[in-house]
Amino acid sequence: MSELSVVRRVLAYLVLLAVTFLICFPLIWAFSTSIKGPKEVMATPPRLIPTEATAANYRNLITGKEQ
């Protein structure tokens, strides 16, 4: 394999990695937000990983209870 071929392959994988991150990040953010409490959802600055995860939002969704 030539050196140019290796560089192209590395660049291709870096581009694929960046595109994968751009596609997956909103899904990760949405799931992370779904397990946060009401105060943490509106916190400034926003955090990706909640300090205290809760399933209350899913429980309320299933039972039909409003927040």
Protein backbone atom coordinates (compact mmCIF):
# COMPACT_ATOMS: atom_id res chain seq x y z
CA MET A 1 0.00 0.00 0.00
CA SER A 2 1.36 3.39 -0.89
CA GLU A 3 1.68 6.19 1.61
CA LEU A 4 -0.92 8.28 -0.26
CA SER A 5 -3.41 5.41 -0.07
CA VAL A 6 -2.97 5.17 3.69
CA VAL A 7 -3.50 8.91 4.11
CA ARG A 8 -6.66 8.77 2.01
CA ARG A 9 -7.99 5.85 4.03
CA VAL A 10 -7.29 7.63 7.33
CA LEU A 11 -8.98 10.79 6.06
CA ALA A 12 -11.98 8.79 4.89
CA TYR A 13 -12.36 7.18 8.30
CA LEU A 14 -12.05 10.56 10.03
CA VAL A 15 -14.80 11.97 7.82
CA LEU A 16 -16.98 8.92 8.51
CA LEU A 17 -16.36 9.32 12.24
CA ALA A 18 -17.34 13.00 12.12
CA VAL A 19 -20.52 12.26 10.16
CA THR A 20 -21.44 9.46 12.56
CA PHE A 21 -20.99 11.82 15.50
CA LEU A 22 -23.14 14.50 13.84
CA ILE A 23 -25.91 11.99 13.18
CA CYS A 24 -25.82 10.31 16.60
CA PHE A 25 -25.35 13.34 18.84
CA PRO A 26 -28.96 14.63 18.62
CA LEU A 27 -30.25 11.16 19.51
CA ILE A 28 -27.90 10.93 22.49
CA TRP A 29 -28.91 14.45 23.58
CA ALA A 30 -32.62 13.59 23.32
CA PHE A 31 -32.23 10.44 25.39
CA SER A 32 -30.10 12.28 27.94
CA THR A 33 -32.74 15.00 28.24
CA SER A 34 -35.50 12.41 28.64
CA ILE A 35 -33.89 11.02 31.80
CA LYS A 36 -33.29 14.42 33.43
CA GLY A 37 -35.51 16.02 36.02
CA PRO A 38 -37.43 19.23 35.23
CA LYS A 39 -34.90 21.56 36.87
CA GLU A 40 -31.94 19.95 35.16
CA VAL A 41 -33.56 20.16 31.71
CA MET A 42 -33.61 23.96 31.94
CA ALA A 43 -30.23 24.29 33.68
CA THR A 44 -27.66 26.73 32.35
CA PRO A 45 -25.19 25.68 31.04
CA PRO A 46 -26.77 22.50 29.70
CA ARG A 47 -25.09 19.20 30.52
CA LEU A 48 -25.06 16.07 28.41
CA ILE A 49 -24.87 13.65 31.33
CA PRO A 50 -27.50 14.22 34.03
CA THR A 51 -26.35 14.43 37.64
CA GLU A 52 -29.36 12.39 38.72
CA ALA A 53 -31.06 10.13 36.18
CA THR A 54 -34.76 9.43 36.61
CA ALA A 55 -37.35 7.33 34.82
CA ALA A 56 -40.19 9.59 36.02
CA ASN A 57 -40.69 11.09 32.56
CA TYR A 58 -41.27 7.63 31.09
CA ARG A 59 -43.51 6.66 34.00
CA ASN A 60 -45.61 9.80 33.44
CA LEU A 61 -45.80 9.09 29.72
CA ILE A 62 -47.05 5.53 30.25
CA THR A 63 -49.56 6.40 32.98
CA GLY A 64 -50.79 9.56 31.25
CA LYS A 65 -49.86 11.74 34.22
CA GLU A 66 -48.90 15.34 33.44
CA GLN A 67 -45.95 17.00 35.09
